[in-house]
Amino acid sequence: MAKLVNWYEFNRRMKEKNILLFSILDVCRVFGVGKVAAGFLLHRYVKKGYLLRVKRGLYVFPDLLPPELFLANKIYEPSYVSGEFALSYHQVIPETVYEISSVTPKTTRRFEKLGRVYSYRKIKKSVFTGYTIEKQKGFSFLIAEPEKSFVDANYFRLRQGLEPISRYDKERIQPLKALRYAELFGNRKLVNFIKRALR
């Protein structure tokens, strides 16, 4: 069955359906093939350079990459973009941040994929909140609100023995909202750390 799906047909049908990030199951569904046949197709097309493997079981077209923040959510789930990258995205800090930082209730991980570094730092499930859904090029992704990004970034700075973030646009951070997020951590040191940062 796999032989009946040539590259031209595969490329056309997947793009017609706007499936730009896909798994073996997506290929099974679109072409009515089994998992073995779909896996064979994907392996062959990756080997030929027609597709890129983002991670085990997840593929993209090299000429039609989905937005990086959408990929950040998908590479390691559940997660949402936060920390310094989100602060830069929200224009809270002036620096351009190249490493796409996220938080997750799972184990801390770091990946180098498609020419970018994606980092994921562990936080408690109880503080896995404070994010919104945004869109780029029709793709939805989760990103922390400015205040939650600020608290997450400072939480990891505190743990590393660094000073609080000092260079940031105070107009873009609501102090009471930031403190509410800090209190969710149940960590008095963090609350005091955030209070110092907000002065």
Protein backbone atom coordinates (compact mmCIF):
# COMPACT_ATOMS: atom_id res chain seq x y z
CA MET A 1 0.00 0.00 0.00
CA ALA A 2 2.88 2.39 0.83
CA LYS A 3 4.15 2.12 -2.77
CA LEU A 4 0.88 3.59 -4.04
CA VAL A 5 1.58 6.88 -2.23
CA ASN A 6 4.29 8.64 -4.20
CA TRP A 7 6.01 11.81 -2.97
CA TYR A 8 4.03 14.10 -5.29
CA GLU A 9 0.74 12.74 -3.96
CA PHE A 10 1.93 12.78 -0.34
CA ASN A 11 3.19 16.36 -0.60
CA ARG A 12 0.05 17.62 -2.38
CA ARG A 13 -2.53 16.00 -0.12
CA MET A 14 -0.87 16.85 3.19
CA LYS A 15 -0.41 20.49 2.18
CA GLU A 16 -3.95 20.72 0.75
CA LYS A 17 -5.24 19.67 4.17
CA ASN A 18 -2.85 22.17 5.81
CA ILE A 19 -1.20 19.40 7.85
CA LEU A 20 2.25 20.91 8.34
CA LEU A 21 3.20 19.09 11.55
CA PHE A 22 2.17 15.45 11.52
CA SER A 23 2.55 12.01 13.01
CA ILE A 24 2.25 8.45 11.69
CA LEU A 25 -1.43 8.51 12.72
CA ASP A 26 -2.07 11.59 10.56
CA VAL A 27 -0.57 9.78 7.56
CA CYS A 28 -2.70 6.69 8.31
CA ARG A 29 -5.81 8.86 8.42
CA VAL A 30 -5.14 10.83 5.22
CA PHE A 31 -4.03 7.92 3.04
CA GLY A 32 -5.88 5.00 4.61
CA VAL A 33 -2.69 3.02 5.21
CA GLY A 34 -1.60 1.04 8.25
CA LYS A 35 0.99 2.18 10.82
CA VAL A 36 3.77 0.03 9.31
CA ALA A 37 3.21 1.45 5.81
CA ALA A 38 2.96 5.02 7.14
CA GLY A 39 6.16 4.55 9.17
CA PHE A 40 7.94 3.20 6.09
CA LEU A 41 6.84 6.21 4.01
CA LEU A 42 7.98 8.72 6.62
CA HIS A 43 11.32 6.97 7.14
CA ARG A 44 11.94 6.96 3.37
CA TYR A 45 11.02 10.63 2.91
CA VAL A 46 13.19 11.73 5.86
CA LYS A 47 16.12 9.77 4.38
CA LYS A 48 15.64 11.52 1.03
CA GLY A 49 15.50 14.93 2.75
CA TYR A 50 11.88 15.55 1.74
CA LEU A 51 10.77 15.73 5.40
CA LEU A 52 12.39 16.69 8.69
CA ARG A 53 11.89 14.77 11.91
CA VAL A 54 11.18 17.22 14.75
CA LYS A 55 11.22 14.47 17.35
CA ARG A 56 10.29 10.82 17.49
CA GLY A 57 6.95 10.47 15.71
CA LEU A 58 6.63 14.12 14.64
CA TYR A 59 7.50 15.45 11.16
CA VAL A 60 7.47 18.69 9.14
CA PHE A 61 8.07 19.89 5.57
CA PRO A 62 11.43 21.74 5.31
CA ASP A 63 9.85 24.40 3.06
CA LEU A 64 6.81 25.00 5.28
CA LEU A 65 7.92 25.03 8.90
CA PRO A 66 5.22 25.93 11.44
CA PRO A 67 5.99 28.91 13.76
CA GLU A 68 8.69 28.20 16.35
CA LEU A 69 6.43 28.95 19.32
CA PHE A 70 3.88 26.42 18.06
CA LEU A 71 6.73 23.89 17.71
CA ALA A 72 7.93 24.75 21.23
CA ASN A 73 4.58 23.62 22.63
CA LYS A 74 4.63 20.40 20.57
CA ILE A 75 8.24 19.28 21.06
CA TYR A 76 7.66 18.64 24.77
CA GLU A 77 4.11 18.43 26.10
CA PRO A 78 2.53 19.78 28.23
CA SER A 79 4.43 23.06 28.18
CA TYR A 80 4.00 26.75 27.52
CA VAL A 81 6.51 29.40 26.49
CA SER A 82 7.65 31.47 29.47
CA GLY A 83 10.69 32.99 31.18
CA GLU A 84 13.08 35.31 29.36
CA PHE A 85 11.87 34.39 25.88
CA ALA A 86 8.25 35.28 26.76
CA LEU A 87 9.42 38.50 28.45
CA SER A 88 11.21 39.47 25.23
CA TYR A 89 8.13 38.46 23.17
CA HIS A 90 5.92 40.71 25.35
CA GLN A 91 8.56 43.51 25.10
CA VAL A 92 9.02 43.54 28.87
CA ILE A 93 12.80 43.22 28.53
CA PRO A 94 14.83 44.95 25.80
CA GLU A 95 17.04 41.98 24.93
CA THR A 96 16.43 39.60 22.03
CA VAL A 97 16.40 36.08 23.45
CA TYR A 98 17.38 33.25 21.11
CA GLU A 99 16.74 30.22 23.32
CA ILE A 100 13.01 29.48 23.38
CA SER A 101 12.32 28.90 27.07
CA SER A 102 9.24 27.08 28.33
CA VAL A 103 7.98 25.60 31.58
CA THR A 104 6.54 22.14 32.11
CA PRO A 105 5.31 19.98 35.02
CA LYS A 106 7.54 17.22 33.58
CA THR A 107 11.30 16.68 33.87
CA THR A 108 13.58 19.55 32.81
CA ARG A 109 14.80 19.00 29.23
CA ARG A 110 16.69 20.82 26.48
CA PHE A 111 16.51 20.14 22.75
CA GLU A 112 18.32 21.48 19.70
CA LYS A 113 15.87 21.22 16.81
CA LEU A 114 15.74 22.82 13.37
CA GLY A 115 18.51 25.28 14.22
CA ARG A 116 16.99 26.50 17.51
CA VAL A 117 17.42 25.64 21.17
CA TYR A 118 14.21 24.77 23.04
CA SER A 119 14.54 24.54 26.84
CA TYR A 120 11.91 23.25 29.27
CA ARG A 121 12.21 23.80 33.03
CA LYS A 122 10.18 21.95 35.60
CA ILE A 123 7.65 23.74 37.80
CA LYS A 124 5.02 22.29 40.15
CA LYS A 125 1.68 21.35 38.59
CA SER A 126 -0.03 23.83 40.92
CA VAL A 127 1.80 26.75 39.25
CA PHE A 128 1.39 25.48 35.69
CA THR A 129 -1.00 28.34 34.95
CA GLY A 130 -1.03 31.98 33.87
CA TYR A 131 -0.79 31.42 30.13
CA THR A 132 -2.89 32.53 27.18
CA ILE A 133 -3.47 31.22 23.66
CA GLU A 134 -1.97 33.32 20.88
CA LYS A 135 -1.68 32.78 17.12
CA GLN A 136 1.01 33.09 14.47
CA LYS A 137 0.28 32.26 10.82
CA GLY A 138 -2.93 30.49 11.86
CA PHE A 139 -1.17 28.25 14.43
CA SER A 140 -2.19 28.50 18.09
CA PHE A 141 0.37 28.30 20.89
CA LEU A 142 0.44 28.74 24.67
CA ILE A 143 2.54 31.53 26.15
CA ALA A 144 2.71 32.90 29.70
CA GLU A 145 1.21 36.29 30.46
CA PRO A 146 3.85 39.00 31.09
CA GLU A 147 3.44 38.74 34.88
CA LYS A 148 3.71 34.92 34.93
CA SER A 149 6.75 35.06 32.60
CA PHE A 150 8.31 37.56 35.02
CA VAL A 151 7.65 35.34 38.05
CA ASP A 152 8.82 32.16 36.28
CA ALA A 153 12.05 33.84 35.11
CA ASN A 154 12.76 35.21 38.59
CA TYR A 155 11.93 31.87 40.23
CA PHE A 156 14.72 30.21 38.25
CA ARG A 157 17.07 33.16 38.91
CA LEU A 158 16.45 32.75 42.66
CA ARG A 159 17.20 29.03 42.43
CA GLN A 160 20.46 29.79 40.60
CA GLY A 161 21.53 32.36 43.19
CA LEU A 162 21.23 35.28 40.76
CA GLU A 163 19.82 38.76 41.35
CA PRO A 164 16.22 39.59 40.33
CA ILE A 165 15.60 40.98 36.83
CA SER A 166 16.21 44.73 37.04
CA ARG A 167 16.14 45.97 33.44
CA TYR A 168 12.52 45.75 32.32
CA ASP A 169 9.59 47.93 31.27
CA LYS A 170 7.64 48.45 34.50
CA GLU A 171 4.64 49.70 32.52
CA ARG A 172 4.14 46.21 31.12
CA ILE A 173 4.00 44.40 34.50
CA GLN A 174 1.04 44.69 36.90
CA PRO A 175 2.66 44.36 40.36
CA LEU A 176 -0.38 42.90 42.16
CA LYS A 177 -0.88 40.29 39.45
CA ALA A 178 2.81 39.32 39.58
CA LEU A 179 2.63 38.95 43.36
CA ARG A 180 -0.48 36.77 43.09
CA TYR A 181 1.40 34.44 40.75
CA ALA A 182 4.43 34.44 43.06
CA GLU A 183 2.25 33.46 46.03
CA LEU A 184 1.02 30.35 44.17
CA PHE A 185 4.53 28.88 44.54
CA GLY A 186 4.13 28.79 48.35
CA ASN A 187 7.68 30.10 48.65
CA ARG A 188 8.22 33.15 50.90
CA LYS A 189 11.72 33.72 49.49
CA LEU A 190 10.27 33.98 45.99
CA VAL A 191 7.59 36.47 47.09
CA ASN A 192 10.27 38.66 48.68
CA PHE A 193 12.45 38.24 45.58
CA ILE A 194 9.57 39.43 43.37
CA LYS A 195 8.90 42.37 45.71
CA ARG A 196 12.56 43.40 45.31
CA ALA A 197 12.29 43.08 41.53
CA LEU A 198 9.12 45.23 41.48
CA ARG A 199 10.63 48.17 43.39
